[in-house]
Amino acid sequence: MNSGDLSQRSTLDLMSVIHVRDSSHENKYEATESLLKRWRQGIDLGPLVNLLLSESSRDRLRGASYISELGQEVEGLNVAATRLADDALPTCRRAFVEYVENSAYYEQAVAKALAKCLLDTDLYVRSAVIAWASRTSDETFEDFSRMVGTGAGRREPRFRNPLSNDFWNESSLRRAVRGLDIIRRLREGKQIPQIRTDFPGEDSFIFDIVEFSQTRRERLARWQKR
C-alpha cells in the first residue's frame, strides 16, 4: 500500500494502521503524517478529541502524543487539550504545556492551568512550564505572573490539623515564587550556573532540563563536525 492510498483512508482506518502490530514502519509513518496533516486543517477532529477525553489512560496517552506533534493551534482541540492539565498522568499534563507552547494558544483558562502545572510535583511538567514562560511574549508572561500571584493552581490541603494546611500552603507559595523568579532570570539572559547557585531550594534536575534544551543546537553542531 503506498502513501497515496493511505491518504485516502478514513481517520479511524489511519489510526488502526498506526496501532496494528503487523503494520510496516513505512505505513505507520505515512498514516501518522496523513493524520497530522488532516488535523492541522481542523478536519475530522472527533476521533482525536475522543482520545483526549477518554476514561482510558492508554487512549489519553495516544491523544497526548498526537497533540505534541501538531506544532500549531487547532481551534477545535483547545478545550480538550486544556483538560489534560488536570490529568492524572504527567505525560498528559506535559503534552498540554507543549500544545500551548507550539500553538501560542493562551486565554484565562489556559493561564490557570499553566499556573497549576508550574506547581506540579513532576519535574518534567514543571520544567516544561518554565521553558514555555521563558520564551513567551512579555505581555503573556506578565499576565501569567499575575495569575500565579493570585494563588491560581494551588491545591488546597485537607489535613485535620490547620497547621499542616498552613505548612503546605506556604510550601506552594514558595514554589510558585521560586518558579517565577527562575523564569524572570532566564528571560533576562542569565546563565544556568548562576541561577543554580541562587536557587539552592530548586531541584537541580529542573536546571538540567532547561540547560539541555538551551544547548541542543550547540551539541548538534559539535556532533556534525565529528
N, C-alpha and C. Protein backbone atom coordinates (compact mmCIF):
# COMPACT_ATOMS: atom_id res chain seq x y z
N MET A 1 0.85 -1.20 0.00
CA MET A 1 0.00 0.00 0.00
C MET A 1 0.88 1.24 0.00
N ASN A 2 0.67 2.17 -0.90
CA ASN A 2 1.52 3.36 -0.92
C ASN A 2 0.87 4.50 -0.17
N SER A 3 1.66 5.59 0.02
CA SER A 3 1.18 6.72 0.81
C SER A 3 -0.06 7.36 0.19
N GLY A 4 -0.15 7.32 -1.16
CA GLY A 4 -1.34 7.90 -1.80
C GLY A 4 -2.59 7.16 -1.39
N ASP A 5 -2.53 5.85 -1.30
CA ASP A 5 -3.67 5.06 -0.86
C ASP A 5 -4.01 5.40 0.59
N LEU A 6 -3.00 5.50 1.41
CA LEU A 6 -3.23 5.78 2.83
C LEU A 6 -3.91 7.13 3.04
N SER A 7 -3.51 8.11 2.29
CA SER A 7 -4.07 9.45 2.49
C SER A 7 -5.56 9.51 2.20
N GLN A 8 -6.07 8.52 1.48
CA GLN A 8 -7.49 8.49 1.14
C GLN A 8 -8.31 7.69 2.16
N ARG A 9 -7.64 7.08 3.11
CA ARG A 9 -8.35 6.27 4.08
C ARG A 9 -9.03 7.14 5.13
N SER A 10 -10.02 6.57 5.81
CA SER A 10 -10.71 7.32 6.86
C SER A 10 -9.77 7.54 8.04
N THR A 11 -10.11 8.49 8.89
CA THR A 11 -9.29 8.78 10.06
C THR A 11 -9.16 7.57 10.97
N LEU A 12 -10.26 6.88 11.20
CA LEU A 12 -10.22 5.70 12.06
C LEU A 12 -9.36 4.60 11.46
N ASP A 13 -9.42 4.45 10.13
CA ASP A 13 -8.58 3.45 9.46
C ASP A 13 -7.10 3.80 9.63
N LEU A 14 -6.77 5.08 9.48
CA LEU A 14 -5.37 5.50 9.63
C LEU A 14 -4.88 5.24 11.05
N MET A 15 -5.73 5.49 12.03
CA MET A 15 -5.35 5.25 13.42
C MET A 15 -5.13 3.76 13.66
N SER A 16 -5.92 2.95 12.99
CA SER A 16 -5.75 1.49 13.12
C SER A 16 -4.42 1.04 12.51
N VAL A 17 -4.07 1.62 11.37
CA VAL A 17 -2.79 1.27 10.73
C VAL A 17 -1.64 1.54 11.68
N ILE A 18 -1.71 2.65 12.39
CA ILE A 18 -0.62 3.03 13.30
C ILE A 18 -0.48 2.06 14.46
N HIS A 19 -1.59 1.55 14.94
CA HIS A 19 -1.56 0.78 16.18
C HIS A 19 -1.71 -0.73 15.99
N VAL A 20 -1.76 -1.17 14.75
CA VAL A 20 -1.76 -2.62 14.49
C VAL A 20 -0.31 -3.09 14.43
N ARG A 21 0.00 -4.13 15.14
CA ARG A 21 1.39 -4.56 15.27
C ARG A 21 2.05 -4.94 13.96
N ASP A 22 1.29 -5.56 13.06
CA ASP A 22 1.91 -6.06 11.83
C ASP A 22 2.00 -5.01 10.72
N SER A 23 1.61 -3.76 11.02
CA SER A 23 1.78 -2.69 10.03
C SER A 23 3.28 -2.37 9.90
N SER A 24 3.71 -2.11 8.69
CA SER A 24 5.12 -1.78 8.48
C SER A 24 5.45 -0.41 9.04
N HIS A 25 6.72 -0.21 9.31
CA HIS A 25 7.17 1.10 9.81
C HIS A 25 6.81 2.20 8.81
N GLU A 26 6.99 1.91 7.53
CA GLU A 26 6.69 2.91 6.50
C GLU A 26 5.21 3.28 6.51
N ASN A 27 4.33 2.29 6.62
CA ASN A 27 2.90 2.58 6.66
C ASN A 27 2.49 3.34 7.91
N LYS A 28 3.10 2.99 9.04
CA LYS A 28 2.81 3.71 10.28
C LYS A 28 3.19 5.18 10.14
N TYR A 29 4.36 5.40 9.56
CA TYR A 29 4.84 6.78 9.39
C TYR A 29 3.91 7.56 8.45
N GLU A 30 3.58 6.97 7.33
CA GLU A 30 2.72 7.65 6.36
C GLU A 30 1.32 7.91 6.93
N ALA A 31 0.81 6.95 7.70
CA ALA A 31 -0.51 7.13 8.31
C ALA A 31 -0.48 8.27 9.33
N THR A 32 0.59 8.33 10.11
CA THR A 32 0.73 9.39 11.10
C THR A 32 0.79 10.76 10.43
N GLU A 33 1.59 10.87 9.38
CA GLU A 33 1.71 12.14 8.68
C GLU A 33 0.38 12.56 8.05
N SER A 34 -0.35 11.59 7.53
CA SER A 34 -1.66 11.90 6.94
C SER A 34 -2.63 12.41 8.00
N LEU A 35 -2.60 11.77 9.16
CA LEU A 35 -3.48 12.20 10.25
C LEU A 35 -3.14 13.61 10.71
N LEU A 36 -1.86 13.86 10.95
CA LEU A 36 -1.45 15.18 11.44
C LEU A 36 -1.79 16.27 10.44
N LYS A 37 -1.59 15.99 9.16
CA LYS A 37 -1.94 16.98 8.13
C LYS A 37 -3.43 17.27 8.16
N ARG A 38 -4.22 16.24 8.32
CA ARG A 38 -5.68 16.37 8.36
C ARG A 38 -6.11 17.19 9.59
N TRP A 39 -5.55 16.85 10.74
CA TRP A 39 -5.94 17.52 11.97
C TRP A 39 -5.45 18.96 12.02
N ARG A 40 -4.30 19.24 11.43
CA ARG A 40 -3.83 20.63 11.38
C ARG A 40 -4.79 21.51 10.61
N GLN A 41 -5.52 20.92 9.69
CA GLN A 41 -6.52 21.66 8.91
C GLN A 41 -7.89 21.67 9.58
N GLY A 42 -7.96 21.05 10.78
CA GLY A 42 -9.22 21.01 11.51
C GLY A 42 -10.21 20.01 10.96
N ILE A 43 -9.72 19.03 10.19
CA ILE A 43 -10.59 18.05 9.55
C ILE A 43 -10.74 16.80 10.42
N ASP A 44 -11.97 16.37 10.64
CA ASP A 44 -12.27 15.12 11.34
C ASP A 44 -11.54 15.01 12.68
N LEU A 45 -11.78 15.99 13.54
CA LEU A 45 -11.11 16.03 14.85
C LEU A 45 -11.76 15.11 15.87
N GLY A 46 -12.95 14.62 15.58
CA GLY A 46 -13.70 13.83 16.56
C GLY A 46 -12.92 12.68 17.18
N PRO A 47 -12.27 11.82 16.37
CA PRO A 47 -11.53 10.70 16.96
C PRO A 47 -10.40 11.15 17.89
N LEU A 48 -9.74 12.26 17.55
CA LEU A 48 -8.66 12.76 18.41
C LEU A 48 -9.23 13.33 19.71
N VAL A 49 -10.31 14.09 19.61
CA VAL A 49 -10.95 14.62 20.82
C VAL A 49 -11.41 13.48 21.72
N ASN A 50 -11.95 12.42 21.12
CA ASN A 50 -12.39 11.27 21.91
C ASN A 50 -11.23 10.64 22.67
N LEU A 51 -10.06 10.58 22.05
CA LEU A 51 -8.88 10.05 22.73
C LEU A 51 -8.52 10.93 23.93
N LEU A 52 -8.51 12.24 23.72
CA LEU A 52 -8.10 13.17 24.78
C LEU A 52 -9.06 13.15 25.96
N LEU A 53 -10.32 12.87 25.71
CA LEU A 53 -11.33 12.89 26.76
C LEU A 53 -11.68 11.50 27.27
N SER A 54 -11.00 10.50 26.78
CA SER A 54 -11.31 9.11 27.13
C SER A 54 -11.03 8.82 28.61
N GLU A 55 -11.78 7.89 29.17
CA GLU A 55 -11.51 7.43 30.53
C GLU A 55 -10.34 6.45 30.55
N SER A 56 -9.92 5.98 29.40
CA SER A 56 -8.80 5.06 29.29
C SER A 56 -7.48 5.83 29.27
N SER A 57 -6.59 5.52 30.19
CA SER A 57 -5.31 6.21 30.23
C SER A 57 -4.49 5.93 28.97
N ARG A 58 -4.64 4.73 28.42
CA ARG A 58 -3.92 4.40 27.19
C ARG A 58 -4.37 5.29 26.04
N ASP A 59 -5.68 5.50 25.93
CA ASP A 59 -6.19 6.36 24.87
C ASP A 59 -5.71 7.80 25.05
N ARG A 60 -5.74 8.30 26.28
CA ARG A 60 -5.31 9.69 26.51
C ARG A 60 -3.83 9.86 26.20
N LEU A 61 -3.04 8.85 26.49
CA LEU A 61 -1.62 8.92 26.14
C LEU A 61 -1.43 8.97 24.63
N ARG A 62 -2.25 8.21 23.90
CA ARG A 62 -2.19 8.26 22.44
C ARG A 62 -2.55 9.66 21.95
N GLY A 63 -3.63 10.20 22.50
CA GLY A 63 -4.04 11.55 22.11
C GLY A 63 -2.99 12.58 22.45
N ALA A 64 -2.36 12.43 23.62
CA ALA A 64 -1.33 13.38 24.04
C ALA A 64 -0.14 13.36 23.08
N SER A 65 0.23 12.18 22.60
CA SER A 65 1.35 12.09 21.68
C SER A 65 1.03 12.80 20.36
N TYR A 66 -0.22 12.72 19.93
CA TYR A 66 -0.61 13.39 18.69
C TYR A 66 -0.56 14.91 18.84
N ILE A 67 -1.13 15.45 19.91
CA ILE A 67 -1.18 16.91 20.00
C ILE A 67 0.21 17.49 20.25
N SER A 68 1.13 16.69 20.80
CA SER A 68 2.50 17.15 20.96
C SER A 68 3.19 17.32 19.62
N GLU A 69 2.72 16.58 18.62
CA GLU A 69 3.34 16.62 17.30
C GLU A 69 2.67 17.61 16.35
N LEU A 70 1.53 18.14 16.71
CA LEU A 70 0.80 19.02 15.79
C LEU A 70 1.60 20.28 15.46
N GLY A 71 2.23 20.88 16.48
CA GLY A 71 3.07 22.05 16.24
C GLY A 71 2.32 23.34 15.98
N GLN A 72 1.02 23.36 16.21
CA GLN A 72 0.23 24.56 15.96
C GLN A 72 -1.10 24.47 16.68
N GLU A 73 -1.79 25.61 16.76
CA GLU A 73 -3.12 25.61 17.37
C GLU A 73 -4.13 25.05 16.38
N VAL A 74 -5.02 24.24 16.91
CA VAL A 74 -6.18 23.77 16.16
C VAL A 74 -7.39 24.10 17.04
N GLU A 75 -8.17 25.06 16.62
CA GLU A 75 -9.21 25.62 17.48
C GLU A 75 -10.12 24.56 18.07
N GLY A 76 -10.46 23.57 17.30
CA GLY A 76 -11.37 22.54 17.78
C GLY A 76 -10.78 21.62 18.82
N LEU A 77 -9.47 21.76 19.10
CA LEU A 77 -8.81 20.92 20.10
C LEU A 77 -8.51 21.67 21.40
N ASN A 78 -8.72 22.97 21.41
CA ASN A 78 -8.28 23.78 22.55
C ASN A 78 -8.87 23.32 23.88
N VAL A 79 -10.17 23.09 23.91
CA VAL A 79 -10.83 22.71 25.16
C VAL A 79 -10.34 21.34 25.64
N ALA A 80 -10.29 20.38 24.74
CA ALA A 80 -9.86 19.03 25.11
C ALA A 80 -8.39 19.02 25.53
N ALA A 81 -7.56 19.80 24.84
CA ALA A 81 -6.14 19.86 25.20
C ALA A 81 -5.96 20.46 26.59
N THR A 82 -6.74 21.48 26.91
CA THR A 82 -6.64 22.12 28.22
C THR A 82 -7.06 21.18 29.33
N ARG A 83 -7.99 20.29 29.03
CA ARG A 83 -8.42 19.30 30.02
C ARG A 83 -7.25 18.43 30.49
N LEU A 84 -6.26 18.25 29.64
CA LEU A 84 -5.12 17.41 30.00
C LEU A 84 -4.32 17.99 31.17
N ALA A 85 -4.47 19.27 31.43
CA ALA A 85 -3.73 19.89 32.54
C ALA A 85 -4.11 19.28 33.88
N ASP A 86 -5.30 18.69 33.97
CA ASP A 86 -5.76 18.07 35.21
C ASP A 86 -5.65 16.55 35.18
N ASP A 87 -4.99 16.02 34.16
CA ASP A 87 -4.91 14.57 34.01
C ASP A 87 -4.04 13.96 35.11
N ALA A 88 -4.37 12.72 35.47
CA ALA A 88 -3.59 12.01 36.49
C ALA A 88 -2.22 11.62 35.97
N LEU A 89 -2.06 11.57 34.65
CA LEU A 89 -0.79 11.13 34.06
C LEU A 89 0.09 12.35 33.73
N PRO A 90 1.31 12.40 34.27
CA PRO A 90 2.18 13.55 33.99
C PRO A 90 2.51 13.72 32.52
N THR A 91 2.55 12.63 31.75
CA THR A 91 2.81 12.74 30.32
C THR A 91 1.72 13.55 29.64
N CYS A 92 0.49 13.38 30.08
CA CYS A 92 -0.63 14.13 29.50
C CYS A 92 -0.56 15.60 29.93
N ARG A 93 -0.20 15.84 31.17
CA ARG A 93 -0.09 17.23 31.63
C ARG A 93 1.02 17.96 30.87
N ARG A 94 2.11 17.25 30.64
CA ARG A 94 3.20 17.85 29.88
C ARG A 94 2.78 18.10 28.43
N ALA A 95 1.98 17.21 27.85
CA ALA A 95 1.51 17.40 26.48
C ALA A 95 0.67 18.67 26.37
N PHE A 96 -0.10 18.96 27.42
CA PHE A 96 -0.88 20.21 27.43
C PHE A 96 0.05 21.41 27.32
N VAL A 97 1.12 21.42 28.13
CA VAL A 97 2.06 22.55 28.10
C VAL A 97 2.72 22.64 26.72
N GLU A 98 3.09 21.51 26.16
CA GLU A 98 3.71 21.51 24.83
C GLU A 98 2.74 22.05 23.77
N TYR A 99 1.47 21.69 23.89
CA TYR A 99 0.47 22.20 22.95
C TYR A 99 0.38 23.72 23.05
N VAL A 100 0.37 24.23 24.27
CA VAL A 100 0.30 25.68 24.47
C VAL A 100 1.51 26.36 23.85
N GLU A 101 2.69 25.81 24.08
CA GLU A 101 3.89 26.46 23.52
C GLU A 101 3.91 26.38 22.00
N ASN A 102 3.57 25.25 21.45
CA ASN A 102 3.61 25.08 19.99
C ASN A 102 2.54 25.89 19.28
N SER A 103 1.42 26.12 19.96
CA SER A 103 0.29 26.77 19.31
C SER A 103 0.15 28.25 19.63
N ALA A 104 0.84 28.70 20.70
CA ALA A 104 0.68 30.07 21.19
C ALA A 104 -0.76 30.33 21.64
N TYR A 105 -1.48 29.26 21.94
CA TYR A 105 -2.86 29.38 22.43
C TYR A 105 -2.81 29.82 23.89
N TYR A 106 -3.52 30.91 24.20
CA TYR A 106 -3.47 31.44 25.57
C TYR A 106 -4.74 32.22 25.86
N GLU A 107 -5.37 31.86 26.96
CA GLU A 107 -6.51 32.59 27.49
C GLU A 107 -6.54 32.33 28.99
N GLN A 108 -7.52 32.86 29.70
CA GLN A 108 -7.50 32.77 31.15
C GLN A 108 -7.59 31.34 31.67
N ALA A 109 -8.38 30.50 31.02
CA ALA A 109 -8.46 29.10 31.45
C ALA A 109 -7.11 28.41 31.29
N VAL A 110 -6.41 28.76 30.22
CA VAL A 110 -5.08 28.20 29.97
C VAL A 110 -4.09 28.72 31.00
N ALA A 111 -4.18 30.00 31.31
CA ALA A 111 -3.28 30.59 32.31
C ALA A 111 -3.43 29.89 33.66
N LYS A 112 -4.66 29.63 34.06
CA LYS A 112 -4.89 28.94 35.34
C LYS A 112 -4.32 27.52 35.30
N ALA A 113 -4.50 26.87 34.17
CA ALA A 113 -3.98 25.50 34.03
C ALA A 113 -2.46 25.49 34.05
N LEU A 114 -1.84 26.48 33.40
CA LEU A 114 -0.39 26.58 33.41
C LEU A 114 0.14 26.87 34.81
N ALA A 115 -0.59 27.70 35.55
CA ALA A 115 -0.18 28.01 36.93
C ALA A 115 -0.17 26.74 37.77
N LYS A 116 -1.16 25.89 37.56
CA LYS A 116 -1.20 24.62 38.26
C LYS A 116 -0.02 23.73 37.87
N CYS A 117 0.30 23.71 36.60
CA CYS A 117 1.41 22.88 36.12
C CYS A 117 2.75 23.42 36.59
N LEU A 118 2.85 24.73 36.83
CA LEU A 118 4.08 25.29 37.37
C LEU A 118 4.38 24.72 38.75
N LEU A 119 3.33 24.36 39.48
CA LEU A 119 3.48 23.79 40.82
C LEU A 119 3.53 22.27 40.81
N ASP A 120 3.53 21.68 39.62
CA ASP A 120 3.46 20.23 39.50
C ASP A 120 4.64 19.57 40.21
N THR A 121 4.37 18.43 40.85
CA THR A 121 5.44 17.68 41.51
C THR A 121 6.26 16.85 40.52
N ASP A 122 5.74 16.69 39.29
CA ASP A 122 6.52 16.02 38.26
C ASP A 122 7.46 17.06 37.65
N LEU A 123 8.75 16.77 37.69
CA LEU A 123 9.74 17.76 37.28
C LEU A 123 9.68 18.07 35.79
N TYR A 124 9.30 17.10 34.97
CA TYR A 124 9.19 17.36 33.54
C TYR A 124 8.06 18.34 33.24
N VAL A 125 6.95 18.22 33.97
CA VAL A 125 5.83 19.13 33.77
C VAL A 125 6.21 20.54 34.21
N ARG A 126 6.79 20.65 35.41
CA ARG A 126 7.21 21.96 35.92
C ARG A 126 8.23 22.61 34.99
N SER A 127 9.21 21.83 34.54
CA SER A 127 10.25 22.40 33.67
C SER A 127 9.67 22.82 32.32
N ALA A 128 8.64 22.12 31.85
CA ALA A 128 8.00 22.50 30.58
C ALA A 128 7.35 23.87 30.69
N VAL A 129 6.71 24.15 31.84
CA VAL A 129 6.10 25.46 32.04
C VAL A 129 7.17 26.54 32.14
N ILE A 130 8.26 26.24 32.86
CA ILE A 130 9.35 27.20 32.98
C ILE A 130 9.93 27.51 31.59
N ALA A 131 10.10 26.48 30.78
CA ALA A 131 10.63 26.69 29.43
C ALA A 131 9.67 27.53 28.59
N TRP A 132 8.37 27.20 28.66
CA TRP A 132 7.37 27.98 27.91
C TRP A 132 7.41 29.45 28.34
N ALA A 133 7.37 29.68 29.66
CA ALA A 133 7.29 31.04 30.17
C ALA A 133 8.55 31.84 29.90
N SER A 134 9.68 31.17 29.77
CA SER A 134 10.93 31.88 29.49
C SER A 134 11.00 32.36 28.04
N ARG A 135 10.12 31.81 27.18
CA ARG A 135 10.18 32.16 25.76
C ARG A 135 8.94 32.90 25.26
N THR A 136 7.89 32.95 26.06
CA THR A 136 6.66 33.59 25.59
C THR A 136 6.81 35.10 25.56
N SER A 137 5.81 35.79 25.04
CA SER A 137 5.88 37.25 24.92
C SER A 137 5.84 37.91 26.30
N ASP A 138 6.31 39.15 26.36
CA ASP A 138 6.30 39.90 27.62
C ASP A 138 4.88 40.05 28.14
N GLU A 139 3.96 40.34 27.26
CA GLU A 139 2.56 40.55 27.66
C GLU A 139 1.98 39.28 28.26
N THR A 140 2.21 38.15 27.59
CA THR A 140 1.69 36.88 28.10
C THR A 140 2.34 36.51 29.42
N PHE A 141 3.64 36.72 29.53
CA PHE A 141 4.33 36.38 30.78
C PHE A 141 3.82 37.23 31.95
N GLU A 142 3.62 38.50 31.72
CA GLU A 142 3.12 39.36 32.80
C GLU A 142 1.73 38.92 33.24
N ASP A 143 0.89 38.57 32.30
CA ASP A 143 -0.45 38.09 32.65
C ASP A 143 -0.35 36.78 33.43
N PHE A 144 0.51 35.88 32.97
CA PHE A 144 0.72 34.61 33.66
C PHE A 144 1.25 34.84 35.07
N SER A 145 2.17 35.76 35.23
CA SER A 145 2.72 36.07 36.55
C SER A 145 1.64 36.56 37.50
N ARG A 146 0.75 37.41 36.98
CA ARG A 146 -0.35 37.89 37.81
C ARG A 146 -1.26 36.74 38.23
N MET A 147 -1.49 35.82 37.31
CA MET A 147 -2.34 34.67 37.62
C MET A 147 -1.71 33.83 38.72
N VAL A 148 -0.43 33.56 38.60
CA VAL A 148 0.26 32.78 39.63
C VAL A 148 0.21 33.53 40.96
N GLY A 149 0.36 34.85 40.90
CA GLY A 149 0.35 35.66 42.12
C GLY A 149 -0.97 35.64 42.87
N THR A 150 -2.06 35.36 42.16
CA THR A 150 -3.36 35.28 42.83
C THR A 150 -3.56 33.96 43.57
N GLY A 151 -2.61 33.04 43.40
CA GLY A 151 -2.73 31.73 44.05
C GLY A 151 -3.34 30.68 43.15
N ALA A 152 -3.55 31.03 41.89
CA ALA A 152 -4.13 30.06 40.95
C ALA A 152 -3.23 28.84 40.85
N GLY A 153 -3.86 27.69 40.78
CA GLY A 153 -3.11 26.46 40.60
C GLY A 153 -2.75 25.73 41.88
N ARG A 154 -2.90 26.38 42.99
CA ARG A 154 -2.54 25.73 44.26
C ARG A 154 -3.62 24.75 44.69
N ARG A 155 -3.19 23.58 45.08
CA ARG A 155 -4.13 22.59 45.61
C ARG A 155 -4.38 22.89 47.08
N GLU A 156 -5.63 22.83 47.46
CA GLU A 156 -5.98 23.09 48.85
C GLU A 156 -5.72 21.85 49.69
N PRO A 157 -4.78 21.92 50.64
CA PRO A 157 -4.55 20.75 51.51
C PRO A 157 -5.75 20.54 52.43
N ARG A 158 -6.00 19.31 52.80
CA ARG A 158 -7.21 19.00 53.59
C ARG A 158 -6.87 18.17 54.84
N PHE A 159 -5.85 18.62 55.55
CA PHE A 159 -5.50 17.95 56.80
C PHE A 159 -6.44 18.41 57.91
N ARG A 160 -6.63 17.56 58.89
CA ARG A 160 -7.47 17.94 60.03
C ARG A 160 -6.79 19.04 60.84
N ASN A 161 -5.48 18.96 60.91
CA ASN A 161 -4.72 19.97 61.65
C ASN A 161 -4.48 21.19 60.75
N PRO A 162 -5.01 22.35 61.09
CA PRO A 162 -4.84 23.53 60.23
C PRO A 162 -3.39 23.95 60.08
N LEU A 163 -2.55 23.60 61.07
CA LEU A 163 -1.14 23.94 60.96
C LEU A 163 -0.47 23.15 59.84
N SER A 164 -0.95 21.94 59.61
CA SER A 164 -0.43 21.15 58.49
C SER A 164 -0.84 21.79 57.15
N ASN A 165 -2.07 22.30 57.12
CA ASN A 165 -2.51 23.01 55.92
C ASN A 165 -1.66 24.26 55.67
N ASP A 166 -1.37 24.98 56.75
CA ASP A 166 -0.53 26.17 56.62
C ASP A 166 0.85 25.82 56.07
N PHE A 167 1.38 24.70 56.52
CA PHE A 167 2.71 24.28 56.08
C PHE A 167 2.74 24.10 54.56
N TRP A 168 1.75 23.37 54.03
CA TRP A 168 1.77 23.09 52.60
C TRP A 168 1.34 24.29 51.77
N ASN A 169 0.52 25.16 52.33
CA ASN A 169 0.19 26.40 51.61
C ASN A 169 1.43 27.27 51.44
N GLU A 170 2.23 27.34 52.50
CA GLU A 170 3.47 28.11 52.43
C GLU A 170 4.46 27.47 51.47
N SER A 171 4.48 26.14 51.45
CA SER A 171 5.36 25.44 50.53
C SER A 171 4.98 25.74 49.08
N SER A 172 3.68 25.73 48.79
CA SER A 172 3.21 26.02 47.43
C SER A 172 3.56 27.45 47.03
N LEU A 173 3.40 28.38 47.99
CA LEU A 173 3.71 29.77 47.72
C LEU A 173 5.19 29.93 47.37
N ARG A 174 6.06 29.31 48.15
CA ARG A 174 7.49 29.40 47.89
C ARG A 174 7.83 28.79 46.53
N ARG A 175 7.18 27.68 46.22
CA ARG A 175 7.45 27.01 44.93
C ARG A 175 7.02 27.89 43.76
N ALA A 176 5.88 28.55 43.90
CA ALA A 176 5.39 29.44 42.85
C ALA A 176 6.32 30.63 42.67
N VAL A 177 6.69 31.25 43.79
CA VAL A 177 7.58 32.43 43.73
C VAL A 177 8.93 32.05 43.14
N ARG A 178 9.46 30.90 43.57
CA ARG A 178 10.76 30.45 43.07
C ARG A 178 10.69 30.20 41.55
N GLY A 179 9.60 29.58 41.11
CA GLY A 179 9.44 29.32 39.68
C GLY A 179 9.43 30.60 38.87
N LEU A 180 8.67 31.60 39.33
CA LEU A 180 8.60 32.87 38.61
C LEU A 180 9.94 33.58 38.61
N ASP A 181 10.67 33.52 39.73
CA ASP A 181 11.98 34.17 39.79
C ASP A 181 12.97 33.51 38.83
N ILE A 182 12.92 32.19 38.74
CA ILE A 182 13.80 31.48 37.80
C ILE A 182 13.46 31.89 36.37
N ILE A 183 12.17 31.96 36.05
CA ILE A 183 11.74 32.35 34.70
C ILE A 183 12.22 33.76 34.37
N ARG A 184 12.07 34.68 35.31
CA ARG A 184 12.50 36.06 35.06
C ARG A 184 13.99 36.11 34.75
N ARG A 185 14.77 35.34 35.48
CA ARG A 185 16.22 35.35 35.23
C ARG A 185 16.56 34.75 33.87
N LEU A 186 15.83 33.71 33.50
CA LEU A 186 16.05 33.14 32.18
C LEU A 186 15.69 34.14 31.09
N ARG A 187 14.60 34.87 31.29
CA ARG A 187 14.19 35.87 30.31
C ARG A 187 15.19 37.02 30.22
N GLU A 188 15.91 37.26 31.30
CA GLU A 188 16.94 38.31 31.31
C GLU A 188 18.25 37.84 30.69
N GLY A 189 18.32 36.54 30.35
CA GLY A 189 19.52 36.02 29.73
C GLY A 189 20.58 35.55 30.70
N LYS A 190 20.20 35.37 31.96
CA LYS A 190 21.17 34.91 32.96
C LYS A 190 21.59 33.48 32.64
N GLN A 191 22.81 33.12 33.01
CA GLN A 191 23.36 31.80 32.74
C GLN A 191 22.89 30.78 33.78
N ILE A 192 22.69 29.55 33.33
CA ILE A 192 22.19 28.49 34.21
C ILE A 192 23.06 28.29 35.45
N PRO A 193 24.41 28.23 35.32
CA PRO A 193 25.23 28.01 36.53
C PRO A 193 24.95 29.04 37.63
N GLN A 194 24.77 30.30 37.25
CA GLN A 194 24.50 31.34 38.24
C GLN A 194 23.10 31.16 38.85
N ILE A 195 22.14 30.81 38.02
CA ILE A 195 20.78 30.62 38.53
C ILE A 195 20.75 29.43 39.49
N ARG A 196 21.47 28.38 39.18
CA ARG A 196 21.56 27.22 40.09
C ARG A 196 22.03 27.66 41.47
N THR A 197 23.05 28.50 41.49
CA THR A 197 23.63 28.95 42.76
C THR A 197 22.64 29.77 43.56
N ASP A 198 21.85 30.57 42.86
CA ASP A 198 20.93 31.48 43.53
C ASP A 198 19.66 30.80 44.03
N PHE A 199 19.39 29.57 43.54
CA PHE A 199 18.17 28.87 43.94
C PHE A 199 18.49 27.47 44.45
N PRO A 200 19.13 27.37 45.60
CA PRO A 200 19.50 26.05 46.12
C PRO A 200 18.30 25.19 46.48
N GLY A 201 17.13 25.80 46.65
CA GLY A 201 15.95 25.04 47.01
C GLY A 201 15.27 24.35 45.83
N GLU A 202 15.71 24.67 44.61
CA GLU A 202 15.09 24.08 43.42
C GLU A 202 15.81 22.78 43.06
N ASP A 203 15.04 21.78 42.65
CA ASP A 203 15.63 20.52 42.23
C ASP A 203 16.57 20.77 41.05
N SER A 204 17.80 20.27 41.13
CA SER A 204 18.80 20.53 40.10
C SER A 204 18.40 19.95 38.75
N PHE A 205 17.51 18.95 38.76
CA PHE A 205 17.09 18.35 37.51
C PHE A 205 16.34 19.35 36.64
N ILE A 206 15.63 20.28 37.26
CA ILE A 206 14.95 21.34 36.52
C ILE A 206 15.96 22.11 35.68
N PHE A 207 17.08 22.48 36.30
CA PHE A 207 18.10 23.23 35.57
C PHE A 207 18.78 22.37 34.50
N ASP A 208 18.94 21.08 34.78
CA ASP A 208 19.50 20.18 33.77
C ASP A 208 18.62 20.16 32.52
N ILE A 209 17.31 20.09 32.72
CA ILE A 209 16.38 20.05 31.58
C ILE A 209 16.43 21.35 30.79
N VAL A 210 16.42 22.49 31.51
CA VAL A 210 16.47 23.79 30.84
C VAL A 210 17.78 23.95 30.07
N GLU A 211 18.89 23.58 30.72
CA GLU A 211 20.19 23.72 30.08
C GLU A 211 20.30 22.79 28.86
N PHE A 212 19.76 21.59 28.99
CA PHE A 212 19.77 20.65 27.87
C PHE A 212 19.05 21.24 26.67
N SER A 213 17.91 21.87 26.92
CA SER A 213 17.13 22.49 25.84
C SER A 213 17.90 23.66 25.22
N GLN A 214 18.54 24.47 26.05
CA GLN A 214 19.25 25.64 25.56
C GLN A 214 20.48 25.28 24.73
N THR A 215 21.10 24.15 25.02
CA THR A 215 22.36 23.79 24.36
C THR A 215 22.17 22.75 23.26
N ARG A 216 20.93 22.50 22.85
CA ARG A 216 20.67 21.48 21.83
C ARG A 216 21.39 21.78 20.51
N ARG A 217 21.30 23.02 20.05
CA ARG A 217 21.94 23.38 18.79
C ARG A 217 23.46 23.28 18.89
N GLU A 218 23.99 23.67 20.02
CA GLU A 218 25.45 23.59 20.22
C GLU A 218 25.93 22.15 20.14
N ARG A 219 25.19 21.24 20.77
CA ARG A 219 25.58 19.83 20.74
C ARG A 219 25.47 19.28 19.32
N LEU A 220 24.42 19.68 18.61
CA LEU A 220 24.22 19.22 17.25
C LEU A 220 25.38 19.68 16.36
N ALA A 221 25.79 20.95 16.52
CA ALA A 221 26.90 21.47 15.72
C ALA A 221 28.19 20.72 16.01
N ARG A 222 28.46 20.42 17.27
CA ARG A 222 29.68 19.69 17.63
C ARG A 222 29.64 18.28 17.06
N TRP A 223 28.47 17.66 17.12
CA TRP A 223 28.32 16.28 16.62
C TRP A 223 28.51 16.22 15.11
N GLN A 224 28.00 17.23 14.42
CA GLN A 224 28.11 17.24 12.96
C GLN A 224 29.54 17.48 12.48
N LYS A 225 30.36 18.07 13.33
CA LYS A 225 31.75 18.33 12.97
C LYS A 225 32.63 17.09 13.14
N ARG A 226 32.12 16.09 13.82
CA ARG A 226 32.94 14.89 14.06
C ARG A 226 33.17 14.11 12.78
